[in-house]
C-alpha atoms as a PDB file:
ATOM      1  CA  MET A   1     107.705  75.573  36.280  1.00  0.00           C
ATOM      2  CA  PRO A   2     108.684  79.755  36.618  1.00  0.00           C
ATOM      3  CA  ALA A   3     106.370  82.271  36.872  1.00  0.00           C
ATOM      4  CA  ASP A   4     106.073  84.720  33.983  1.00  0.00           C
ATOM      5  CA  PHE A   5     102.525  85.833  34.314  1.00  0.00           C
ATOM      6  CA  LEU A   6     103.447  89.701  35.438  1.00  0.00           C
ATOM      7  CA  ALA A   7     104.953  92.915  33.452  1.00  0.00           C
ATOM      8  CA  LEU A   8     108.626  93.519  35.334  1.00  0.00           C
ATOM      9  CA  PRO A   9     111.475  95.485  34.554  1.00  0.00           C
ATOM     10  CA  LYS A  10     113.836  93.766  32.161  1.00  0.00           C
ATOM     11  CA  ARG A  11     116.948  92.313  34.336  1.00  0.00           C
ATOM     12  CA  ARG A  12     120.607  91.863  32.386  1.00  0.00           C
ATOM     13  CA  ARG A  13     121.409  88.295  31.839  1.00  0.00           C
ATOM     14  CA  LYS A  14     124.747  87.628  33.672  1.00  0.00           C
ATOM     15  CA  PRO A  15     127.797  87.971  33.247  1.00  0.00           C
ATOM     16  CA  ARG A  16     126.176  91.077  33.983  1.00  0.00           C
ATOM     17  CA  THR A  17     128.171  94.768  33.933  1.00  0.00           C
ATOM     18  CA  SER A  18     125.850  96.787  36.016  1.00  0.00           C
ATOM     19  CA  GLY A  19     122.531  95.692  38.132  1.00  0.00           C
ATOM     20  CA  VAL A  20     125.321  93.501  39.911  1.00  0.00           C
ATOM     21  CA  THR A  21     124.513  92.024  43.412  1.00  0.00           C
ATOM     22  CA  HIS A  22     127.481  91.727  45.670  1.00  0.00           C
ATOM     23  CA  VAL A  23     127.151  89.540  48.632  1.00  0.00           C
ATOM     24  CA  LEU A  24     129.012  88.906  51.781  1.00  0.00           C
ATOM     25  CA  ASP A  25     130.418  85.442  53.196  1.00  0.00           C
ATOM     26  CA  LYS A  26     131.510  85.953  56.696  1.00  0.00           C
ATOM     27  CA  GLY A  27     132.461  82.150  56.925  1.00  0.00           C
ATOM     28  CA  MET A  28     129.447  80.157  55.418  1.00  0.00           C
ATOM     29  CA  PRO A  29     129.929  76.555  55.378  1.00  0.00           C
ATOM     30  CA  GLU A  30     130.528  74.839  51.866  1.00  0.00           C
ATOM     31  CA  PRO A  31     127.254  72.791  51.971  1.00  0.00           C
ATOM     32  CA  THR A  32     125.019  75.819  52.936  1.00  0.00           C
ATOM     33  CA  ALA A  33     127.138  77.432  49.889  1.00  0.00           C
ATOM     34  CA  LYS A  34     126.027  74.840  47.539  1.00  0.00           C
ATOM     35  CA  ALA A  35     122.273  74.904  48.667  1.00  0.00           C
ATOM     36  CA  LEU A  36     122.189  78.729  48.247  1.00  0.00           C
ATOM     37  CA  LEU A  37     123.177  79.120  44.787  1.00  0.00           C
ATOM     38  CA  ASP A  38     121.184  76.134  43.642  1.00  0.00           C
ATOM     39  CA  ALA A  39     118.556  78.084  45.221  1.00  0.00           C
ATOM     40  CA  ALA A  40     119.602  81.699  44.066  1.00  0.00           C
ATOM     41  CA  GLY A  41     122.692  81.421  42.178  1.00  0.00           C
ATOM     42  CA  ASP A  42     121.077  83.167  38.718  1.00  0.00           C
ATOM     43  CA  PHE A  43     120.870  86.532  41.055  1.00  0.00           C
ATOM     44  CA  ILE A  44     124.160  86.569  42.632  1.00  0.00           C
ATOM     45  CA  ASP A  45     127.273  88.361  40.973  1.00  0.00           C
ATOM     46  CA  ILE A  46     129.802  88.913  42.848  1.00  0.00           C
ATOM     47  CA  TRP A  47     130.875  86.205  46.023  1.00  0.00           C
ATOM     48  CA  LYS A  48     133.063  88.850  48.620  1.00  0.00           C
ATOM     49  CA  PHE A  49     135.024  86.559  51.298  1.00  0.00           C
ATOM     50  CA  GLY A  50     134.725  89.442  54.283  1.00  0.00           C
ATOM     51  CA  TRP A  51     137.581  90.598  55.401  1.00  0.00           C
ATOM     52  CA  GLY A  52     140.348  88.072  56.004  1.00  0.00           C
ATOM     53  CA  THR A  53     138.054  85.092  55.970  1.00  0.00           C
ATOM     54  CA  ALA A  54     139.629  83.683  53.016  1.00  0.00           C
ATOM     55  CA  TYR A  55     142.790  83.143  54.526  1.00  0.00           C
ATOM     56  CA  LEU A  56     141.454  81.229  56.822  1.00  0.00           C
ATOM     57  CA  ASP A  57     138.521  79.353  54.656  1.00  0.00           C
ATOM     58  CA  ARG A  58     139.616  75.353  54.402  1.00  0.00           C
ATOM     59  CA  GLU A  59     136.770  75.063  51.882  1.00  0.00           C
ATOM     60  CA  LEU A  60     137.934  77.950  50.250  1.00  0.00           C
ATOM     61  CA  GLU A  61     138.719  75.757  46.921  1.00  0.00           C
ATOM     62  CA  ARG A  62     135.894  73.943  47.109  1.00  0.00           C
ATOM     63  CA  LYS A  63     133.460  77.105  47.127  1.00  0.00           C
ATOM     64  CA  LEU A  64     135.539  79.011  44.604  1.00  0.00           C
ATOM     65  CA  GLU A  65     134.875  75.648  42.343  1.00  0.00           C
ATOM     66  CA  LEU A  66     131.152  75.913  43.411  1.00  0.00           C
ATOM     67  CA  LEU A  67     131.265  79.565  42.411  1.00  0.00           C
ATOM     68  CA  ALA A  68     132.657  79.448  39.127  1.00  0.00           C
ATOM     69  CA  GLY A  69     130.336  76.750  37.941  1.00  0.00           C
ATOM     70  CA  HIS A  70     127.429  79.286  39.230  1.00  0.00           C
ATOM     71  CA  GLU A  71     128.695  82.224  37.093  1.00  0.00           C
ATOM     72  CA  VAL A  72     129.681  83.856  40.339  1.00  0.00           C
ATOM     73  CA  LEU A  73     132.545  86.048  40.613  1.00  0.00           C
ATOM     74  CA  ALA A  74     134.554  85.137  44.016  1.00  0.00           C
ATOM     75  CA  CYS A  75     136.495  88.475  45.152  1.00  0.00           C
ATOM     76  CA  MET A  76     139.409  88.216  48.210  1.00  0.00           C
ATOM     77  CA  GLY A  77     138.507  91.282  50.615  1.00  0.00           C
ATOM     78  CA  GLY A  78     140.252  94.312  50.971  1.00  0.00           C
ATOM     79  CA  THR A  79     141.167  94.373  54.493  1.00  0.00           C
ATOM     80  CA  LEU A  80     143.733  91.294  53.595  1.00  0.00           C
ATOM     81  CA  LEU A  81     145.352  92.844  51.241  1.00  0.00           C
ATOM     82  CA  GLU A  82     145.936  96.226  53.776  1.00  0.00           C
ATOM     83  CA  ILE A  83     147.319  93.589  56.175  1.00  0.00           C
ATOM     84  CA  ALA A  84     149.444  92.252  53.685  1.00  0.00           C
ATOM     85  CA  TRP A  85     150.703  95.877  52.373  1.00  0.00           C
ATOM     86  CA  SER A  86     151.235  96.641  56.517  1.00  0.00           C
ATOM     87  CA  GLN A  87     153.332  93.557  56.669  1.00  0.00           C
ATOM     88  CA  SER A  88     155.375  94.347  52.994  1.00  0.00           C
ATOM     89  CA  ARG A  89     154.095  91.108  51.945  1.00  0.00           C
ATOM     90  CA  VAL A  90     151.363  92.176  48.740  1.00  0.00           C
ATOM     91  CA  GLU A  91     153.310  90.442  46.246  1.00  0.00           C
ATOM     92  CA  GLU A  92     153.258  87.514  48.339  1.00  0.00           C
ATOM     93  CA  CYS A  93     149.375  87.861  48.800  1.00  0.00           C
ATOM     94  CA  LEU A  94     148.730  88.572  45.063  1.00  0.00           C
ATOM     95  CA  ARG A  95     150.959  85.260  44.393  1.00  0.00           C
ATOM     96  CA  TRP A  96     148.535  83.309  46.953  1.00  0.00           C
ATOM     97  CA  ALA A  97     145.341  84.698  45.688  1.00  0.00           C
ATOM     98  CA  THR A  98     146.163  83.466  41.615  1.00  0.00           C
ATOM     99  CA  GLY A  99     146.859  80.345  43.067  1.00  0.00           C
ATOM    100  CA  VAL A 100     143.997  79.458  44.490  1.00  0.00           C
ATOM    101  CA  GLY A 101     141.813  81.018  41.295  1.00  0.00           C
ATOM    102  CA  LEU A 102     140.517  84.208  42.996  1.00  0.00           C
ATOM    103  CA  PRO A 103     139.265  86.447  39.729  1.00  0.00           C
ATOM    104  CA  LEU A 104     138.517  89.734  41.798  1.00  0.00           C
ATOM    105  CA  VAL A 105     140.677  91.380  44.364  1.00  0.00           C
ATOM    106  CA  GLU A 106     139.683  94.248  46.187  1.00  0.00           C
ATOM    107  CA  VAL A 107     141.647  97.413  47.001  1.00  0.00           C
ATOM    108  CA  SER A 108     141.065  99.486  49.709  1.00  0.00           C
ATOM    109  CA  ALA A 109     142.300 101.769  52.524  1.00  0.00           C
ATOM    110  CA  GLY A 110     140.004 101.475  55.509  1.00  0.00           C
ATOM    111  CA  VAL A 111     141.759 100.172  57.795  1.00  0.00           C
ATOM    112  CA  MET A 112     145.782 100.788  57.068  1.00  0.00           C
ATOM    113  CA  PRO A 113     146.866 104.397  56.268  1.00  0.00           C
ATOM    114  CA  ILE A 114     147.791 103.571  52.638  1.00  0.00           C
ATOM    115  CA  PRO A 115     149.143 106.375  51.030  1.00  0.00           C
ATOM    116  CA  ALA A 116     147.439 107.974  47.666  1.00  0.00           C
ATOM    117  CA  GLU A 117     150.561 106.744  45.355  1.00  0.00           C
ATOM    118  CA  HIS A 118     150.539 103.396  47.280  1.00  0.00           C
ATOM    119  CA  ARG A 119     146.658 103.160  46.521  1.00  0.00           C
ATOM    120  CA  ALA A 120     146.976 103.876  43.011  1.00  0.00           C
ATOM    121  CA  ARG A 121     150.189 101.231  42.452  1.00  0.00           C
ATOM    122  CA  LEU A 122     148.284  98.604  44.679  1.00  0.00           C
ATOM    123  CA  ILE A 123     145.268  99.167  41.769  1.00  0.00           C
ATOM    124  CA  LYS A 124     147.590  98.944  38.797  1.00  0.00           C
ATOM    125  CA  ARG A 125     149.755  96.062  40.117  1.00  0.00           C
ATOM    126  CA  ALA A 126     146.544  94.323  41.123  1.00  0.00           C
ATOM    127  CA  ALA A 127     144.829  95.028  37.522  1.00  0.00           C
ATOM    128  CA  GLU A 128     147.951  93.212  35.826  1.00  0.00           C
ATOM    129  CA  SER A 129     146.438  89.832  37.164  1.00  0.00           C
ATOM    130  CA  PHE A 130     142.916  90.484  38.379  1.00  0.00           C
ATOM    131  CA  VAL A 131     139.928  92.064  37.982  1.00  0.00           C
ATOM    132  CA  VAL A 132     139.980  95.100  40.380  1.00  0.00           C
ATOM    133  CA  LEU A 133     137.379  96.589  43.162  1.00  0.00           C
ATOM    134  CA  SER A 134     138.325  99.374  44.636  1.00  0.00           C
ATOM    135  CA  GLU A 135     136.840 100.893  47.937  1.00  0.00           C
ATOM    136  CA  VAL A 136     136.538 104.569  49.040  1.00  0.00           C
ATOM    137  CA  GLY A 137     135.491 105.348  52.312  1.00  0.00           C
ATOM    138  CA  SER A 138     136.899 105.184  55.954  1.00  0.00           C
ATOM    139  CA  LYS A 139     135.163 102.512  58.278  1.00  0.00           C
ATOM    140  CA  ASP A 140     135.958 104.786  61.342  1.00  0.00           C
ATOM    141  CA  PRO A 141     132.607 106.068  61.959  1.00  0.00           C
ATOM    142  CA  ALA A 142     133.458 109.232  63.616  1.00  0.00           C
ATOM    143  CA  LYS A 143     135.117 110.004  60.075  1.00  0.00           C
ATOM    144  CA  LEU A 144     132.931 112.272  57.993  1.00  0.00           C
ATOM    145  CA  ALA A 145     132.635 111.711  54.556  1.00  0.00           C
ATOM    146  CA  ASP A 146     133.552 114.304  52.286  1.00  0.00           C
ATOM    147  CA  PRO A 147     131.708 114.700  48.695  1.00  0.00           C
ATOM    148  CA  LYS A 148     134.210 116.350  46.904  1.00  0.00           C
ATOM    149  CA  GLU A 149     137.027 114.058  48.296  1.00  0.00           C
ATOM    150  CA  TRP A 150     135.045 110.541  47.258  1.00  0.00           C
ATOM    151  CA  ALA A 151     134.536 111.812  44.434  1.00  0.00           C
ATOM    152  CA  ALA A 152     138.130 112.485  43.608  1.00  0.00           C
ATOM    153  CA  GLN A 153     139.220 108.936  45.059  1.00  0.00           C
ATOM    154  CA  VAL A 154     136.496 107.906  42.500  1.00  0.00           C
ATOM    155  CA  GLU A 155     137.584 109.222  39.726  1.00  0.00           C
ATOM    156  CA  ALA A 156     141.613 108.485  40.604  1.00  0.00           C
ATOM    157  CA  ASP A 157     140.887 104.627  41.247  1.00  0.00           C
ATOM    158  CA  LEU A 158     138.902 104.076  38.060  1.00  0.00           C
ATOM    159  CA  VAL A 159     141.829 105.972  36.287  1.00  0.00           C
ATOM    160  CA  ALA A 160     144.049 103.473  37.899  1.00  0.00           C
ATOM    161  CA  GLY A 161     142.359 100.707  36.484  1.00  0.00           C
ATOM    162  CA  ALA A 162     139.335  99.770  39.128  1.00  0.00           C
ATOM    163  CA  TRP A 163     136.133  98.262  37.044  1.00  0.00           C
ATOM    164  CA  LEU A 164     133.853  99.355  40.013  1.00  0.00           C
ATOM    165  CA  VAL A 165     134.617 101.640  43.017  1.00  0.00           C
ATOM    166  CA  VAL A 166     132.754  99.743  46.302  1.00  0.00           C
ATOM    167  CA  THR A 167     131.743 103.213  48.510  1.00  0.00           C
ATOM    168  CA  GLU A 168     132.161 102.300  52.146  1.00  0.00           C
ATOM    169  CA  GLY A 169     128.538 101.271  54.438  1.00  0.00           C
ATOM    170  CA  ARG A 170     130.597  98.724  56.005  1.00  0.00           C
ATOM    171  CA  GLU A 171     127.960  95.439  57.103  1.00  0.00           C
ATOM    172  CA  SER A 172     126.305  97.720  59.410  1.00  0.00           C
ATOM    173  CA  GLY A 173     125.103 100.450  57.057  1.00  0.00           C
ATOM    174  CA  THR A 174     126.133 103.049  59.602  1.00  0.00           C
ATOM    175  CA  VAL A 175     128.908 104.770  58.316  1.00  0.00           C
ATOM    176  CA  GLY A 176     130.203 106.090  55.008  1.00  0.00           C
ATOM    177  CA  LEU A 177     127.143 106.501  52.739  1.00  0.00           C
ATOM    178  CA  TYR A 178     125.209 106.240  55.888  1.00  0.00           C
ATOM    179  CA  GLY A 179     124.544 108.092  58.756  1.00  0.00           C
ATOM    180  CA  PRO A 180     124.790 106.570  62.358  1.00  0.00           C
ATOM    181  CA  GLY A 181     121.113 105.351  61.890  1.00  0.00           C
ATOM    182  CA  GLY A 182     121.002 104.211  58.600  1.00  0.00           C
ATOM    183  CA  GLU A 183     120.136 107.172  56.888  1.00  0.00           C
ATOM    184  CA  VAL A 184     120.688 107.261  53.252  1.00  0.00           C
ATOM    185  CA  GLN A 185     123.390 110.664  52.861  1.00  0.00           C
ATOM    186  CA  GLU A 186     121.862 111.582  49.137  1.00  0.00           C
ATOM    187  CA  GLY A 187     124.566 114.337  48.406  1.00  0.00           C
ATOM    188  CA  LEU A 188     127.372 111.970  48.693  1.00  0.00           C
ATOM    189  CA  ILE A 189     125.640 109.558  46.395  1.00  0.00           C
ATOM    190  CA  ASP A 190     125.174 112.295  43.850  1.00  0.00           C
ATOM    191  CA  ALA A 191     128.865 113.512  43.991  1.00  0.00           C
ATOM    192  CA  VAL A 192     130.528 109.620  43.358  1.00  0.00           C
ATOM    193  CA  ALA A 193     127.510 108.658  40.977  1.00  0.00           C
ATOM    194  CA  ALA A 194     128.614 112.174  38.937  1.00  0.00           C
ATOM    195  CA  VAL A 195     131.972 110.794  38.296  1.00  0.00           C
ATOM    196  CA  ALA A 196     131.416 108.364  35.707  1.00  0.00           C
ATOM    197  CA  GLY A 197     127.795 107.093  36.199  1.00  0.00           C
ATOM    198  CA  HIS A 198     126.488 104.959  38.525  1.00  0.00           C
ATOM    199  CA  GLU A 199     127.016 101.885  36.859  1.00  0.00           C
ATOM    200  CA  ARG A 200     130.898 102.345  37.864  1.00  0.00           C
ATOM    201  CA  ILE A 201     129.758 102.728  41.862  1.00  0.00           C
ATOM    202  CA  LEU A 202     129.318  99.650  43.553  1.00  0.00           C
ATOM    203  CA  PHE A 203     126.873 100.691  46.454  1.00  0.00           C
ATOM    204  CA  GLU A 204     127.835  98.605  49.748  1.00  0.00           C
ATOM    205  CA  ALA A 205     123.925  98.872  50.993  1.00  0.00           C
ATOM    206  CA  PRO A 206     123.104  95.812  53.530  1.00  0.00           C
ATOM    207  CA  ARG A 207     119.921  96.942  54.603  1.00  0.00           C
ATOM    208  CA  LYS A 208     116.712  96.974  52.913  1.00  0.00           C
ATOM    209  CA  ASP A 209     115.776 100.371  53.319  1.00  0.00           C
ATOM    210  CA  GLN A 210     119.023 101.509  51.700  1.00  0.00           C
ATOM    211  CA  GLN A 211     118.463  98.987  48.897  1.00  0.00           C
ATOM    212  CA  ALA A 212     115.036 100.466  47.878  1.00  0.00           C
ATOM    213  CA  TRP A 213     116.016 103.691  48.133  1.00  0.00           C
ATOM    214  CA  LEU A 214     119.108 102.519  45.352  1.00  0.00           C
ATOM    215  CA  ILE A 215     116.555 100.846  43.129  1.00  0.00           C
ATOM    216  CA  ASN A 216     113.985 103.956  43.080  1.00  0.00           C
ATOM    217  CA  ARG A 217     116.373 106.343  42.815  1.00  0.00           C
ATOM    218  CA  PHE A 218     118.957 104.347  39.682  1.00  0.00           C
ATOM    219  CA  GLY A 219     116.657 101.840  38.497  1.00  0.00           C
ATOM    220  CA  CYS A 220     116.564  97.930  39.011  1.00  0.00           C
ATOM    221  CA  ASP A 221     120.279  97.457  37.554  1.00  0.00           C
ATOM    222  CA  VAL A 222     121.902  99.462  40.195  1.00  0.00           C
ATOM    223  CA  ASN A 223     124.818  98.105  41.597  1.00  0.00           C
ATOM    224  CA  LEU A 224     124.332  96.675  45.390  1.00  0.00           C
ATOM    225  CA  GLY A 225     127.293  95.169  47.672  1.00  0.00           C
ATOM    226  CA  ASN A 226     127.005  93.338  51.323  1.00  0.00           C
ATOM    227  CA  ILE A 227     123.954  92.278  50.844  1.00  0.00           C
ATOM    228  CA  PRO A 228     123.797  89.271  53.477  1.00  0.00           C
ATOM    229  CA  LEU A 229     123.417  86.187  51.738  1.00  0.00           C
ATOM    230  CA  THR A 230     120.124  85.398  53.497  1.00  0.00           C
ATOM    231  CA  ASP A 231     118.733  88.495  51.612  1.00  0.00           C
ATOM    232  CA  VAL A 232     119.693  87.784  48.421  1.00  0.00           C
ATOM    233  CA  VAL A 233     116.358  86.601  46.542  1.00  0.00           C
ATOM    234  CA  GLY A 234     114.544  89.405  48.764  1.00  0.00           C
ATOM    235  CA  VAL A 235     117.154  91.966  47.188  1.00  0.00           C
ATOM    236  CA  GLU A 236     116.166  90.924  43.428  1.00  0.00           C
ATOM    237  CA  ALA A 237     112.036  91.068  44.246  1.00  0.00           C
ATOM    238  CA  LEU A 238     113.125  94.637  45.780  1.00  0.00           C
ATOM    239  CA  ARG A 239     114.922  95.176  42.122  1.00  0.00           C
ATOM    240  CA  LEU A 240     111.678  93.630  40.198  1.00  0.00           C
ATOM    241  CA  GLY A 241     108.940  95.375  42.417  1.00  0.00           C
ATOM    242  CA  LEU A 242     107.717  92.752  43.679  1.00  0.00           C
ATOM    243  CA  ARG A 243     108.039  94.550  47.578  1.00  0.00           C
ATOM    244  CA  ALA A 244     106.077  96.980  48.877  1.00  0.00           C
ATOM    245  CA  ASP A 245     109.053  99.517  49.005  1.00  0.00           C
ATOM    246  CA  THR A 246     109.476  99.679  45.175  1.00  0.00           C
ATOM    247  CA  ALA A 247     106.305  98.031  43.659  1.00  0.00           C
ATOM    248  CA  VAL A 248     104.671 100.509  41.013  1.00  0.00           C
ATOM    249  CA  VAL A 249     101.263 101.344  42.107  1.00  0.00           C
ATOM    250  CA  PRO A 250      98.708 102.603  39.132  1.00  0.00           C
ATOM    251  CA  GLU A 251      97.174 105.840  38.988  1.00  0.00           C
ATOM    252  CA  ARG A 252      93.917 104.406  38.223  1.00  0.00           C
ATOM    253  CA  PRO A 253      91.924 100.870  39.246  1.00  0.00           C
ATOM    254  CA  PRO A 254      92.917  98.364  36.324  1.00  0.00           C
ATOM    255  CA  ASP A 255      90.443  96.673  34.175  1.00  0.00           C
ATOM    256  CA  TRP A 256      89.536  93.475  35.756  1.00  0.00           C
END
């Protein structure tokens, strides 16, 4: 029987438009994915097949069926579309994604030098057939993130047709939104959230301290991305104040 004796923040029900938990699949076998979804599928909204792994995953179609059964949206990693762009194979890539049944596509420019006009065209084209996540920021740790540039890119991507804009943090949590030690770049986060509200931003936050900072800043229904598959339940506990990092401490001892 599910526990229900605590007063906890109210979470939106699936399908959620905010409070999204976006996980990163690096090539998980289908039986393991099934076990995870059976145990924690209620807490997962977007399942990204990282980088170009969807192109190689021989269990892709079975996993897509599983995800649909748990109301989890599957997303093709942005790197795959970037590589397709670099080889003039964008239409072939999108036709393949339609054929296998991927509902979400990520448009990014973290690896390839995609010009701004090509990026806008990619988002508009993908939005004809898919729900689009775009991504701002570079994967290069030597490239400093400029808040004004990121805010302008967020605005342009939303105008072009992106549903959510993903802010780069990588799986390491040490670039883009974060410093080399994983520290949060507060000015950058405030700049992108100011464009259209934090509800339109998907903050990549692979580390617990980053997740807790964002939840404490924006509340339990902040969008969190690149969550390790093994951390899904722990992240939901953070959202609901069931861990020390986000628990509400009473000012006075309660009556007991």
